[in-house]
PDB file of N, CA and C in Angstrom:
ATOM      1  N   MET A   1      20.801 -18.897   8.205  1.00  0.00           N
ATOM      2  CA  MET A   1      19.488 -18.305   8.059  1.00  0.00           C
ATOM      3  C   MET A   1      19.157 -18.276   6.567  1.00  0.00           C
ATOM      4  N   ASN A   2      17.931 -18.669   6.222  1.00  0.00           N
ATOM      5  CA  ASN A   2      17.609 -18.687   4.803  1.00  0.00           C
ATOM      6  C   ASN A   2      17.352 -17.278   4.274  1.00  0.00           C
ATOM      7  N   THR A   3      17.338 -17.158   2.960  1.00  0.00           N
ATOM      8  CA  THR A   3      17.242 -15.860   2.303  1.00  0.00           C
ATOM      9  C   THR A   3      15.948 -15.139   2.632  1.00  0.00           C
ATOM     10  N   SER A   4      14.826 -15.850   2.647  1.00  0.00           N
ATOM     11  CA  SER A   4      13.540 -15.203   2.934  1.00  0.00           C
ATOM     12  C   SER A   4      13.504 -14.606   4.335  1.00  0.00           C
ATOM     13  N   VAL A   5      13.990 -15.336   5.297  1.00  0.00           N
ATOM     14  CA  VAL A   5      14.005 -14.833   6.674  1.00  0.00           C
ATOM     15  C   VAL A   5      14.928 -13.621   6.767  1.00  0.00           C
ATOM     16  N   SER A   6      16.074 -13.703   6.145  1.00  0.00           N
ATOM     17  CA  SER A   6      17.019 -12.592   6.151  1.00  0.00           C
ATOM     18  C   SER A   6      16.402 -11.346   5.532  1.00  0.00           C
ATOM     19  N   ARG A   7      15.718 -11.522   4.429  1.00  0.00           N
ATOM     20  CA  ARG A   7      15.095 -10.376   3.760  1.00  0.00           C
ATOM     21  C   ARG A   7      13.932  -9.818   4.565  1.00  0.00           C
ATOM     22  N   LEU A   8      13.165 -10.691   5.191  1.00  0.00           N
ATOM     23  CA  LEU A   8      12.079 -10.219   6.047  1.00  0.00           C
ATOM     24  C   LEU A   8      12.639  -9.400   7.207  1.00  0.00           C
ATOM     25  N   LEU A   9      13.694  -9.883   7.813  1.00  0.00           N
ATOM     26  CA  LEU A   9      14.321  -9.146   8.906  1.00  0.00           C
ATOM     27  C   LEU A   9      14.890  -7.813   8.427  1.00  0.00           C
ATOM     28  N   THR A  10      15.381  -7.779   7.201  1.00  0.00           N
ATOM     29  CA  THR A  10      15.883  -6.529   6.629  1.00  0.00           C
ATOM     30  C   THR A  10      14.746  -5.518   6.481  1.00  0.00           C
ATOM     31  N   VAL A  11      13.617  -5.955   5.962  1.00  0.00           N
ATOM     32  CA  VAL A  11      12.462  -5.062   5.785  1.00  0.00           C
ATOM     33  C   VAL A  11      11.986  -4.546   7.143  1.00  0.00           C
ATOM     34  N   ILE A  12      11.883  -5.435   8.108  1.00  0.00           N
ATOM     35  CA  ILE A  12      11.459  -5.030   9.451  1.00  0.00           C
ATOM     36  C   ILE A  12      12.503  -4.102  10.078  1.00  0.00           C
ATOM     37  N   GLY A  13      13.773  -4.412   9.859  1.00  0.00           N
ATOM     38  CA  GLY A  13      14.847  -3.577  10.394  1.00  0.00           C
ATOM     39  C   GLY A  13      14.845  -2.178   9.809  1.00  0.00           C
ATOM     40  N   ALA A  14      14.551  -2.062   8.513  1.00  0.00           N
ATOM     41  CA  ALA A  14      14.474  -0.738   7.884  1.00  0.00           C
ATOM     42  C   ALA A  14      13.346   0.079   8.502  1.00  0.00           C
ATOM     43  N   SER A  15      12.230  -0.578   8.733  1.00  0.00           N
ATOM     44  CA  SER A  15      11.094   0.099   9.346  1.00  0.00           C
ATOM     45  C   SER A  15      11.418   0.508  10.787  1.00  0.00           C
ATOM     46  N   ALA A  16      12.053  -0.378  11.529  1.00  0.00           N
ATOM     47  CA  ALA A  16      12.436  -0.068  12.913  1.00  0.00           C
ATOM     48  C   ALA A  16      13.446   1.078  12.959  1.00  0.00           C
ATOM     49  N   ALA A  17      14.385   1.090  12.022  1.00  0.00           N
ATOM     50  CA  ALA A  17      15.384   2.161  11.983  1.00  0.00           C
ATOM     51  C   ALA A  17      14.722   3.506  11.665  1.00  0.00           C
ATOM     52  N   ALA A  18      13.773   3.495  10.735  1.00  0.00           N
ATOM     53  CA  ALA A  18      13.055   4.728  10.407  1.00  0.00           C
ATOM     54  C   ALA A  18      12.247   5.209  11.613  1.00  0.00           C
ATOM     55  N   LEU A  19      11.590   4.286  12.293  1.00  0.00           N
ATOM     56  CA  LEU A  19      10.820   4.658  13.484  1.00  0.00           C
ATOM     57  C   LEU A  19      11.732   5.224  14.566  1.00  0.00           C
ATOM     58  N   ALA A  20      12.895   4.638  14.740  1.00  0.00           N
ATOM     59  CA  ALA A  20      13.854   5.164  15.723  1.00  0.00           C
ATOM     60  C   ALA A  20      14.283   6.577  15.348  1.00  0.00           C
ATOM     61  N   GLY A  21      14.508   6.813  14.066  1.00  0.00           N
ATOM     62  CA  GLY A  21      14.846   8.161  13.612  1.00  0.00           C
ATOM     63  C   GLY A  21      13.726   9.145  13.892  1.00  0.00           C
ATOM     64  N   TRP A  22      12.489   8.708  13.651  1.00  0.00           N
ATOM     65  CA  TRP A  22      11.324   9.556  13.929  1.00  0.00           C
ATOM     66  C   TRP A  22      11.254   9.873  15.417  1.00  0.00           C
ATOM     67  N   VAL A  23      11.451   8.861  16.268  1.00  0.00           N
ATOM     68  CA  VAL A  23      11.391   9.063  17.725  1.00  0.00           C
ATOM     69  C   VAL A  23      12.440  10.077  18.166  1.00  0.00           C
ATOM     70  N   LEU A  24      13.642   9.960  17.645  1.00  0.00           N
ATOM     71  CA  LEU A  24      14.699  10.908  18.009  1.00  0.00           C
ATOM     72  C   LEU A  24      14.369  12.330  17.544  1.00  0.00           C
ATOM     73  N   ALA A  25      13.761  12.441  16.372  1.00  0.00           N
ATOM     74  CA  ALA A  25      13.476  13.762  15.815  1.00  0.00           C
ATOM     75  C   ALA A  25      12.250  14.418  16.440  1.00  0.00           C
ATOM     76  N   VAL A  26      11.177  13.659  16.588  1.00  0.00           N
ATOM     77  CA  VAL A  26       9.905  14.274  16.988  1.00  0.00           C
ATOM     78  C   VAL A  26       9.745  14.329  18.511  1.00  0.00           C
ATOM     79  N   PRO A  27       9.554  13.201  19.208  1.00  0.00           N
ATOM     80  CA  PRO A  27       9.359  13.333  20.654  1.00  0.00           C
ATOM     81  C   PRO A  27      10.606  13.792  21.413  1.00  0.00           C
ATOM     82  N   VAL A  28      11.788  13.335  20.992  1.00  0.00           N
ATOM     83  CA  VAL A  28      12.999  13.670  21.745  1.00  0.00           C
ATOM     84  C   VAL A  28      13.479  15.084  21.418  1.00  0.00           C
ATOM     85  N   ALA A  29      13.655  15.394  20.132  1.00  0.00           N
ATOM     86  CA  ALA A  29      14.185  16.705  19.740  1.00  0.00           C
ATOM     87  C   ALA A  29      13.096  17.763  19.580  1.00  0.00           C
ATOM     88  N   GLY A  30      11.843  17.336  19.521  1.00  0.00           N
ATOM     89  CA  GLY A  30      10.744  18.292  19.422  1.00  0.00           C
ATOM     90  C   GLY A  30      10.543  18.901  18.050  1.00  0.00           C
ATOM     91  N   ILE A  31      10.998  18.223  17.010  1.00  0.00           N
ATOM     92  CA  ILE A  31      10.844  18.725  15.642  1.00  0.00           C
ATOM     93  C   ILE A  31       9.448  18.373  15.139  1.00  0.00           C
ATOM     94  N   ALA A  32       8.805  19.340  14.514  1.00  0.00           N
ATOM     95  CA  ALA A  32       7.479  19.104  13.929  1.00  0.00           C
ATOM     96  C   ALA A  32       7.677  18.635  12.490  1.00  0.00           C
ATOM     97  N   LEU A  33       7.295  17.397  12.224  1.00  0.00           N
ATOM     98  CA  LEU A  33       7.384  16.868  10.860  1.00  0.00           C
ATOM     99  C   LEU A  33       6.041  17.112  10.182  1.00  0.00           C
ATOM    100  N   THR A  34       5.971  18.200   9.468  1.00  0.00           N
ATOM    101  CA  THR A  34       4.742  18.607   8.809  1.00  0.00           C
ATOM    102  C   THR A  34       4.971  18.645   7.306  1.00  0.00           C
ATOM    103  N   VAL A  35       3.986  18.132   6.568  1.00  0.00           N
ATOM    104  CA  VAL A  35       4.049  18.147   5.109  1.00  0.00           C
ATOM    105  C   VAL A  35       2.773  18.779   4.554  1.00  0.00           C
ATOM    106  N   ARG A  36       2.903  19.332   3.350  1.00  0.00           N
ATOM    107  CA  ARG A  36       1.749  19.875   2.650  1.00  0.00           C
ATOM    108  C   ARG A  36       1.033  18.722   1.948  1.00  0.00           C
ATOM    109  N   MET A  37      -0.254  18.574   2.229  1.00  0.00           N
ATOM    110  CA  MET A  37      -1.073  17.527   1.607  1.00  0.00           C
ATOM    111  C   MET A  37      -2.312  18.188   1.038  1.00  0.00           C
ATOM    112  N   GLY A  38      -2.423  18.181  -0.275  1.00  0.00           N
ATOM    113  CA  GLY A  38      -3.565  18.845  -0.886  1.00  0.00           C
ATOM    114  C   GLY A  38      -3.523  20.325  -0.564  1.00  0.00           C
ATOM    115  N   GLY A  39      -4.587  20.820   0.068  1.00  0.00           N
ATOM    116  CA  GLY A  39      -4.624  22.236   0.418  1.00  0.00           C
ATOM    117  C   GLY A  39      -4.236  22.507   1.849  1.00  0.00           C
ATOM    118  N   GLY A  40      -3.902  21.478   2.616  1.00  0.00           N
ATOM    119  CA  GLY A  40      -3.608  21.677   4.029  1.00  0.00           C
ATOM    120  C   GLY A  40      -2.269  21.125   4.425  1.00  0.00           C
ATOM    121  N   MET A  41      -2.098  21.056   5.742  1.00  0.00           N
ATOM    122  CA  MET A  41      -0.861  20.542   6.314  1.00  0.00           C
ATOM    123  C   MET A  41      -1.188  19.295   7.136  1.00  0.00           C
ATOM    124  N   GLN A  42      -0.245  18.362   7.172  1.00  0.00           N
ATOM    125  CA  GLN A  42      -0.451  17.131   7.927  1.00  0.00           C
ATOM    126  C   GLN A  42       0.839  16.766   8.657  1.00  0.00           C
ATOM    127  N   GLN A  43       0.689  16.297   9.884  1.00  0.00           N
ATOM    128  CA  GLN A  43       1.830  15.819  10.662  1.00  0.00           C
ATOM    129  C   GLN A  43       2.204  14.416  10.191  1.00  0.00           C
ATOM    130  N   VAL A  44       3.498  14.141  10.124  1.00  0.00           N
ATOM    131  CA  VAL A  44       3.979  12.795   9.804  1.00  0.00           C
ATOM    132  C   VAL A  44       4.144  12.064  11.133  1.00  0.00           C
ATOM    133  N   GLY A  45       3.291  11.088  11.359  1.00  0.00           N
ATOM    134  CA  GLY A  45       3.315  10.345  12.607  1.00  0.00           C
ATOM    135  C   GLY A  45       4.047   9.028  12.478  1.00  0.00           C
ATOM    136  N   PRO A  46       4.161   8.311  13.574  1.00  0.00           N
ATOM    137  CA  PRO A  46       4.900   7.047  13.565  1.00  0.00           C
ATOM    138  C   PRO A  46       4.268   5.987  12.664  1.00  0.00           C
ATOM    139  N   ALA A  47       2.946   5.962  12.596  1.00  0.00           N
ATOM    140  CA  ALA A  47       2.286   4.973  11.736  1.00  0.00           C
ATOM    141  C   ALA A  47       2.640   5.203  10.272  1.00  0.00           C
ATOM    142  N   ALA A  48       2.661   6.457   9.849  1.00  0.00           N
ATOM    143  CA  ALA A  48       3.017   6.762   8.454  1.00  0.00           C
ATOM    144  C   ALA A  48       4.448   6.347   8.156  1.00  0.00           C
ATOM    145  N   VAL A  49       5.342   6.556   9.100  1.00  0.00           N
ATOM    146  CA  VAL A  49       6.749   6.185   8.912  1.00  0.00           C
ATOM    147  C   VAL A  49       6.880   4.668   8.782  1.00  0.00           C
ATOM    148  N   VAL A  50       6.212   3.944   9.663  1.00  0.00           N
ATOM    149  CA  VAL A  50       6.298   2.480   9.643  1.00  0.00           C
ATOM    150  C   VAL A  50       5.657   1.922   8.372  1.00  0.00           C
ATOM    151  N   VAL A  51       4.474   2.383   8.039  1.00  0.00           N
ATOM    152  CA  VAL A  51       3.773   1.860   6.853  1.00  0.00           C
ATOM    153  C   VAL A  51       4.554   2.163   5.585  1.00  0.00           C
ATOM    154  N   ALA A  52       5.017   3.400   5.436  1.00  0.00           N
ATOM    155  CA  ALA A  52       5.759   3.769   4.226  1.00  0.00           C
ATOM    156  C   ALA A  52       7.044   2.956   4.080  1.00  0.00           C
ATOM    157  N   SER A  53       7.758   2.773   5.182  1.00  0.00           N
ATOM    158  CA  SER A  53       9.012   2.015   5.089  1.00  0.00           C
ATOM    159  C   SER A  53       8.753   0.531   4.853  1.00  0.00           C
ATOM    160  N   LEU A  54       7.705  -0.013   5.448  1.00  0.00           N
ATOM    161  CA  LEU A  54       7.355  -1.419   5.173  1.00  0.00           C
ATOM    162  C   LEU A  54       6.952  -1.608   3.716  1.00  0.00           C
ATOM    163  N   LEU A  55       6.154  -0.684   3.191  1.00  0.00           N
ATOM    164  CA  LEU A  55       5.739  -0.793   1.784  1.00  0.00           C
ATOM    165  C   LEU A  55       6.938  -0.686   0.848  1.00  0.00           C
ATOM    166  N   ALA A  56       7.847   0.223   1.145  1.00  0.00           N
ATOM    167  CA  ALA A  56       9.053   0.353   0.311  1.00  0.00           C
ATOM    168  C   ALA A  56       9.872  -0.927   0.354  1.00  0.00           C
ATOM    169  N   GLY A  57      10.037  -1.481   1.547  1.00  0.00           N
ATOM    170  CA  GLY A  57      10.809  -2.711   1.683  1.00  0.00           C
ATOM    171  C   GLY A  57      10.169  -3.891   0.983  1.00  0.00           C
ATOM    172  N   LEU A  58       8.868  -4.028   1.133  1.00  0.00           N
ATOM    173  CA  LEU A  58       8.164  -5.145   0.478  1.00  0.00           C
ATOM    174  C   LEU A  58       8.178  -4.994  -1.032  1.00  0.00           C
ATOM    175  N   ALA A  59       8.033  -3.766  -1.520  1.00  0.00           N
ATOM    176  CA  ALA A  59       8.092  -3.531  -2.969  1.00  0.00           C
ATOM    177  C   ALA A  59       9.483  -3.850  -3.511  1.00  0.00           C
ATOM    178  N   GLY A  60      10.512  -3.449  -2.779  1.00  0.00           N
ATOM    179  CA  GLY A  60      11.876  -3.762  -3.200  1.00  0.00           C
ATOM    180  C   GLY A  60      12.138  -5.247  -3.211  1.00  0.00           C
ATOM    181  N   TRP A  61      11.653  -5.939  -2.210  1.00  0.00           N
ATOM    182  CA  TRP A  61      11.802  -7.395  -2.127  1.00  0.00           C
ATOM    183  C   TRP A  61      11.071  -8.063  -3.279  1.00  0.00           C
ATOM    184  N   ALA A  62       9.876  -7.598  -3.582  1.00  0.00           N
ATOM    185  CA  ALA A  62       9.100  -8.172  -4.689  1.00  0.00           C
ATOM    186  C   ALA A  62       9.827  -7.982  -6.019  1.00  0.00           C
ATOM    187  N   LEU A  63      10.353  -6.784  -6.244  1.00  0.00           N
ATOM    188  CA  LEU A  63      11.094  -6.545  -7.486  1.00  0.00           C
ATOM    189  C   LEU A  63      12.319  -7.445  -7.553  1.00  0.00           C
ATOM    190  N   LEU A  64      13.015  -7.595  -6.461  1.00  0.00           N
ATOM    191  CA  LEU A  64      14.194  -8.466  -6.444  1.00  0.00           C
ATOM    192  C   LEU A  64      13.805  -9.907  -6.746  1.00  0.00           C
ATOM    193  N   ALA A  65      12.703 -10.377  -6.195  1.00  0.00           N
ATOM    194  CA  ALA A  65      12.241 -11.747  -6.448  1.00  0.00           C
ATOM    195  C   ALA A  65      11.922 -11.948  -7.924  1.00  0.00           C
ATOM    196  N   VAL A  66      11.295 -10.959  -8.544  1.00  0.00           N
ATOM    197  CA  VAL A  66      10.991 -11.057  -9.976  1.00  0.00           C
ATOM    198  C   VAL A  66      12.279 -11.081 -10.787  1.00  0.00           C
ATOM    199  N   LEU A  67      13.201 -10.192 -10.469  1.00  0.00           N
ATOM    200  CA  LEU A  67      14.470 -10.165 -11.206  1.00  0.00           C
ATOM    201  C   LEU A  67      15.234 -11.471 -11.052  1.00  0.00           C
ATOM    202  N   GLU A  68      15.188 -12.069  -9.860  1.00  0.00           N
ATOM    203  CA  GLU A  68      15.899 -13.327  -9.632  1.00  0.00           C
ATOM    204  C   GLU A  68      15.308 -14.483 -10.436  1.00  0.00           C
ATOM    205  N   ARG A  69      14.057 -14.376 -10.791  1.00  0.00           N
ATOM    206  CA  ARG A  69      13.445 -15.432 -11.619  1.00  0.00           C
ATOM    207  C   ARG A  69      13.966 -15.402 -13.046  1.00  0.00           C
ATOM    208  N   PHE A  70      14.384 -14.214 -13.499  1.00  0.00           N
ATOM    209  CA  PHE A  70      14.776 -14.062 -14.902  1.00  0.00           C
ATOM    210  C   PHE A  70      16.260 -13.822 -15.120  1.00  0.00           C
ATOM    211  N   ALA A  71      16.999 -13.567 -14.067  1.00  0.00           N
ATOM    212  CA  ALA A  71      18.431 -13.292 -14.215  1.00  0.00           C
ATOM    213  C   ALA A  71      19.207 -14.051 -13.145  1.00  0.00           C
ATOM    214  N   SER A  72      20.330 -14.599 -13.539  1.00  0.00           N
ATOM    215  CA  SER A  72      21.136 -15.337 -12.570  1.00  0.00           C
ATOM    216  C   SER A  72      21.864 -14.394 -11.602  1.00  0.00           C
ATOM    217  N   ARG A  73      22.133 -13.186 -12.051  1.00  0.00           N
ATOM    218  CA  ARG A  73      22.814 -12.207 -11.200  1.00  0.00           C
ATOM    219  C   ARG A  73      21.939 -10.954 -11.090  1.00  0.00           C
ATOM    220  N   ALA A  74      20.894 -11.043 -10.293  1.00  0.00           N
ATOM    221  CA  ALA A  74      19.906  -9.966 -10.191  1.00  0.00           C
ATOM    222  C   ALA A  74      20.315  -8.866  -9.227  1.00  0.00           C
ATOM    223  N   GLY A  75      21.294  -9.113  -8.388  1.00  0.00           N
ATOM    224  CA  GLY A  75      21.665  -8.148  -7.357  1.00  0.00           C
ATOM    225  C   GLY A  75      22.103  -6.800  -7.892  1.00  0.00           C
ATOM    226  N   ARG A  76      22.926  -6.805  -8.916  1.00  0.00           N
ATOM    227  CA  ARG A  76      23.437  -5.533  -9.452  1.00  0.00           C
ATOM    228  C   ARG A  76      22.338  -4.703 -10.110  1.00  0.00           C
ATOM    229  N   PRO A  77      21.537  -5.264 -11.025  1.00  0.00           N
ATOM    230  CA  PRO A  77      20.467  -4.432 -11.603  1.00  0.00           C
ATOM    231  C   PRO A  77      19.460  -3.972 -10.545  1.00  0.00           C
ATOM    232  N   TRP A  78      19.186  -4.844  -9.564  1.00  0.00           N
ATOM    233  CA  TRP A  78      18.254  -4.450  -8.504  1.00  0.00           C
ATOM    234  C   TRP A  78      18.812  -3.268  -7.717  1.00  0.00           C
ATOM    235  N   THR A  79      20.095  -3.318  -7.404  1.00  0.00           N
ATOM    236  CA  THR A  79      20.718  -2.235  -6.647  1.00  0.00           C
ATOM    237  C   THR A  79      20.644  -0.923  -7.409  1.00  0.00           C
ATOM    238  N   ILE A  80      20.869  -0.970  -8.712  1.00  0.00           N
ATOM    239  CA  ILE A  80      20.795   0.245  -9.533  1.00  0.00           C
ATOM    240  C   ILE A  80      19.380   0.815  -9.503  1.00  0.00           C
ATOM    241  N   VAL A  81      18.389  -0.055  -9.684  1.00  0.00           N
ATOM    242  CA  VAL A  81      16.990   0.395  -9.644  1.00  0.00           C
ATOM    243  C   VAL A  81      16.646   0.920  -8.252  1.00  0.00           C
ATOM    244  N   ALA A  82      17.070   0.217  -7.213  1.00  0.00           N
ATOM    245  CA  ALA A  82      16.766   0.636  -5.842  1.00  0.00           C
ATOM    246  C   ALA A  82      17.366   2.006  -5.534  1.00  0.00           C
ATOM    247  N   LEU A  83      18.588   2.254  -5.963  1.00  0.00           N
ATOM    248  CA  LEU A  83      19.209   3.553  -5.723  1.00  0.00           C
ATOM    249  C   LEU A  83      18.507   4.657  -6.513  1.00  0.00           C
ATOM    250  N   ALA A  84      18.070   4.329  -7.725  1.00  0.00           N
ATOM    251  CA  ALA A  84      17.318   5.320  -8.512  1.00  0.00           C
ATOM    252  C   ALA A  84      15.989   5.645  -7.843  1.00  0.00           C
ATOM    253  N   VAL A  85      15.303   4.626  -7.342  1.00  0.00           N
ATOM    254  CA  VAL A  85      14.030   4.853  -6.643  1.00  0.00           C
ATOM    255  C   VAL A  85      14.266   5.656  -5.366  1.00  0.00           C
ATOM    256  N   LEU A  86      15.331   5.353  -4.646  1.00  0.00           N
ATOM    257  CA  LEU A  86      15.661   6.119  -3.449  1.00  0.00           C
ATOM    258  C   LEU A  86      15.877   7.593  -3.799  1.00  0.00           C
ATOM    259  N   ALA A  87      16.642   7.847  -4.854  1.00  0.00           N
ATOM    260  CA  ALA A  87      16.885   9.234  -5.272  1.00  0.00           C
ATOM    261  C   ALA A  87      15.568   9.936  -5.631  1.00  0.00           C
ATOM    262  N   LEU A  88      14.700   9.237  -6.359  1.00  0.00           N
ATOM    263  CA  LEU A  88      13.404   9.826  -6.714  1.00  0.00           C
ATOM    264  C   LEU A  88      12.526  10.049  -5.489  1.00  0.00           C
ATOM    265  N   SER A  89      12.632   9.164  -4.504  1.00  0.00           N
ATOM    266  CA  SER A  89      11.813   9.302  -3.302  1.00  0.00           C
ATOM    267  C   SER A  89      12.155  10.570  -2.533  1.00  0.00           C
ATOM    268  N   LEU A  90      13.358  11.063  -2.698  1.00  0.00           N
ATOM    269  CA  LEU A  90      13.766  12.282  -2.000  1.00  0.00           C
ATOM    270  C   LEU A  90      13.011  13.506  -2.510  1.00  0.00           C
ATOM    271  N   LEU A  91      12.422  13.418  -3.687  1.00  0.00           N
ATOM    272  CA  LEU A  91      11.640  14.533  -4.211  1.00  0.00           C
ATOM    273  C   LEU A  91      10.415  14.803  -3.345  1.00  0.00           C
ATOM    274  N   GLY A  92       9.888  13.756  -2.691  1.00  0.00           N
ATOM    275  CA  GLY A  92       8.719  13.932  -1.822  1.00  0.00           C
ATOM    276  C   GLY A  92       8.981  14.934  -0.715  1.00  0.00           C
ATOM    277  N   PRO A  93       9.949  14.660   0.159  1.00  0.00           N
ATOM    278  CA  PRO A  93      10.204  15.632   1.227  1.00  0.00           C
ATOM    279  C   PRO A  93      10.734  16.966   0.713  1.00  0.00           C
ATOM    280  N   LEU A  94      11.490  16.926  -0.363  1.00  0.00           N
ATOM    281  CA  LEU A  94      12.028  18.182  -0.887  1.00  0.00           C
ATOM    282  C   LEU A  94      10.916  19.083  -1.411  1.00  0.00           C
ATOM    283  N   GLY A  95       9.818  18.481  -1.871  1.00  0.00           N
ATOM    284  CA  GLY A  95       8.738  19.280  -2.433  1.00  0.00           C
ATOM    285  C   GLY A  95       7.567  19.524  -1.510  1.00  0.00           C
ATOM    286  N   SER A  96       7.442  18.736  -0.448  1.00  0.00           N
ATOM    287  CA  SER A  96       6.227  18.882   0.362  1.00  0.00           C
ATOM    288  C   SER A  96       6.464  19.169   1.842  1.00  0.00           C
ATOM    289  N   ALA A  97       7.676  19.020   2.333  1.00  0.00           N
ATOM    290  CA  ALA A  97       7.923  19.260   3.756  1.00  0.00           C
ATOM    291  C   ALA A  97       7.785  20.748   4.060  1.00  0.00           C
ATOM    292  N   ALA A  98       7.248  21.031   5.240  1.00  0.00           N
ATOM    293  CA  ALA A  98       7.047  22.415   5.668  1.00  0.00           C
ATOM    294  C   ALA A  98       8.235  22.850   6.521  1.00  0.00           C
ATOM    295  N   GLY A  99       9.164  23.534   5.902  1.00  0.00           N
ATOM    296  CA  GLY A  99      10.318  24.049   6.633  1.00  0.00           C
ATOM    297  C   GLY A  99      11.582  23.247   6.393  1.00  0.00           C
ATOM    298  N   THR A 100      12.689  23.892   6.640  1.00  0.00           N
ATOM    299  CA  THR A 100      13.997  23.294   6.402  1.00  0.00           C
ATOM    300  C   THR A 100      14.260  22.111   7.316  1.00  0.00           C
ATOM    301  N   THR A 101      13.920  22.247   8.585  1.00  0.00           N
ATOM    302  CA  THR A 101      14.191  21.164   9.533  1.00  0.00           C
ATOM    303  C   THR A 101      13.378  19.927   9.189  1.00  0.00           C
ATOM    304  N   ALA A 102      12.110  20.113   8.887  1.00  0.00           N
ATOM    305  CA  ALA A 102      11.259  18.974   8.502  1.00  0.00           C
ATOM    306  C   ALA A 102      11.803  18.328   7.234  1.00  0.00           C
ATOM    307  N   THR A 103      12.243  19.141   6.291  1.00  0.00           N
ATOM    308  CA  THR A 103      12.805  18.606   5.052  1.00  0.00           C
ATOM    309  C   THR A 103      14.032  17.757   5.345  1.00  0.00           C
ATOM    310  N   LEU A 104      14.936  18.268   6.156  1.00  0.00           N
ATOM    311  CA  LEU A 104      16.157  17.526   6.474  1.00  0.00           C
ATOM    312  C   LEU A 104      15.852  16.216   7.188  1.00  0.00           C
ATOM    313  N   VAL A 105      14.937  16.248   8.142  1.00  0.00           N
ATOM    314  CA  VAL A 105      14.607  15.031   8.881  1.00  0.00           C
ATOM    315  C   VAL A 105      13.950  14.006   7.962  1.00  0.00           C
ATOM    316  N   LEU A 106      13.030  14.438   7.124  1.00  0.00           N
ATOM    317  CA  LEU A 106      12.354  13.497   6.224  1.00  0.00           C
ATOM    318  C   LEU A 106      13.314  12.917   5.190  1.00  0.00           C
ATOM    319  N   VAL A 107      14.220  13.730   4.681  1.00  0.00           N
ATOM    320  CA  VAL A 107      15.251  13.215   3.770  1.00  0.00           C
ATOM    321  C   VAL A 107      16.104  12.185   4.511  1.00  0.00           C
ATOM    322  N   LEU A 108      16.472  12.499   5.737  1.00  0.00           N
ATOM    323  CA  LEU A 108      17.276  11.570   6.533  1.00  0.00           C
ATOM    324  C   LEU A 108      16.533  10.252   6.756  1.00  0.00           C
ATOM    325  N   LEU A 109      15.229  10.302   7.015  1.00  0.00           N
ATOM    326  CA  LEU A 109      14.457   9.071   7.200  1.00  0.00           C
ATOM    327  C   LEU A 109      14.453   8.233   5.921  1.00  0.00           C
ATOM    328  N   HIS A 110      14.322   8.884   4.778  1.00  0.00           N
ATOM    329  CA  HIS A 110      14.395   8.162   3.504  1.00  0.00           C
ATOM    330  C   HIS A 110      15.759   7.496   3.346  1.00  0.00           C
ATOM    331  N   LEU A 111      16.816   8.232   3.667  1.00  0.00           N
ATOM    332  CA  LEU A 111      18.164   7.690   3.523  1.00  0.00           C
ATOM    333  C   LEU A 111      18.420   6.547   4.502  1.00  0.00           C
ATOM    334  N   ILE A 112      17.857   6.634   5.703  1.00  0.00           N
ATOM    335  CA  ILE A 112      17.998   5.548   6.684  1.00  0.00           C
ATOM    336  C   ILE A 112      17.381   4.272   6.135  1.00  0.00           C
ATOM    337  N   VAL A 113      16.166   4.384   5.609  1.00  0.00           N
ATOM    338  CA  VAL A 113      15.486   3.206   5.045  1.00  0.00           C
ATOM    339  C   VAL A 113      16.312   2.642   3.892  1.00  0.00           C
ATOM    340  N   GLY A 114      16.778   3.505   3.004  1.00  0.00           N
ATOM    341  CA  GLY A 114      17.598   3.047   1.883  1.00  0.00           C
ATOM    342  C   GLY A 114      18.895   2.407   2.328  1.00  0.00           C
ATOM    343  N   ALA A 115      19.505   2.960   3.374  1.00  0.00           N
ATOM    344  CA  ALA A 115      20.777   2.414   3.865  1.00  0.00           C
ATOM    345  C   ALA A 115      20.613   1.017   4.447  1.00  0.00           C
ATOM    346  N   VAL A 116      19.425   0.700   4.917  1.00  0.00           N
ATOM    347  CA  VAL A 116      19.173  -0.653   5.426  1.00  0.00           C
ATOM    348  C   VAL A 116      18.726  -1.576   4.291  1.00  0.00           C
ATOM    349  N   LEU A 117      17.791  -1.108   3.469  1.00  0.00           N
ATOM    350  CA  LEU A 117      17.206  -1.971   2.446  1.00  0.00           C
ATOM    351  C   LEU A 117      18.163  -2.334   1.314  1.00  0.00           C
ATOM    352  N   VAL A 118      18.878  -1.354   0.791  1.00  0.00           N
ATOM    353  CA  VAL A 118      19.698  -1.619  -0.409  1.00  0.00           C
ATOM    354  C   VAL A 118      20.740  -2.710  -0.141  1.00  0.00           C
ATOM    355  N   PRO A 119      21.596  -2.545   0.833  1.00  0.00           N
ATOM    356  CA  PRO A 119      22.571  -3.627   1.053  1.00  0.00           C
ATOM    357  C   PRO A 119      21.943  -4.881   1.655  1.00  0.00           C
ATOM    358  N   GLY A 120      20.916  -4.702   2.466  1.00  0.00           N
ATOM    359  CA  GLY A 120      20.313  -5.840   3.150  1.00  0.00           C
ATOM    360  C   GLY A 120      19.566  -6.772   2.227  1.00  0.00           C
ATOM    361  N   LEU A 121      18.827  -6.214   1.265  1.00  0.00           N
ATOM    362  CA  LEU A 121      18.079  -7.074   0.344  1.00  0.00           C
ATOM    363  C   LEU A 121      18.963  -7.626  -0.764  1.00  0.00           C
ATOM    364  N   ALA A 122      19.969  -6.885  -1.161  1.00  0.00           N
ATOM    365  CA  ALA A 122      20.797  -7.305  -2.287  1.00  0.00           C
ATOM    366  C   ALA A 122      21.721  -8.467  -1.945  1.00  0.00           C
ATOM    367  N   ARG A 123      22.101  -8.580  -0.690  1.00  0.00           N
ATOM    368  CA  ARG A 123      23.022  -9.680  -0.332  1.00  0.00           C
ATOM    369  C   ARG A 123      22.277 -11.002  -0.295  1.00  0.00           C
ATOM    370  N   ARG A 124      23.017 -12.064  -0.448  1.00  0.00           N
ATOM    371  CA  ARG A 124      22.400 -13.410  -0.433  1.00  0.00           C
ATOM    372  C   ARG A 124      22.685 -14.084   0.866  1.00  0.00           C
TER     373      ARG A 124
END
């Protein structure tokens, strides 16, 4: 399988894994994923999970493609940047989720996406 197809499948897989996590948490376990947005509260739905994870995956892939144009061994610097971005992304749920359970689930969804994207995109 060529690299582009593998990376595309990785991005789609990260999104599918996040959606599966959302399904287990929200419809199955009955957890309300609510975040503070502006002055109100908003539910985190499946579309938001899929779009956010796809955007993260595509952005990571784009950065990796740029690094590969300028460095012969882009995997290591990309992985460092990707892990730093993942760590920073955790500030979102930690600062805006409504309640401990919502915070834990949203952090877990971020980690699921990172666990698929980081090793999946970095490998050749």
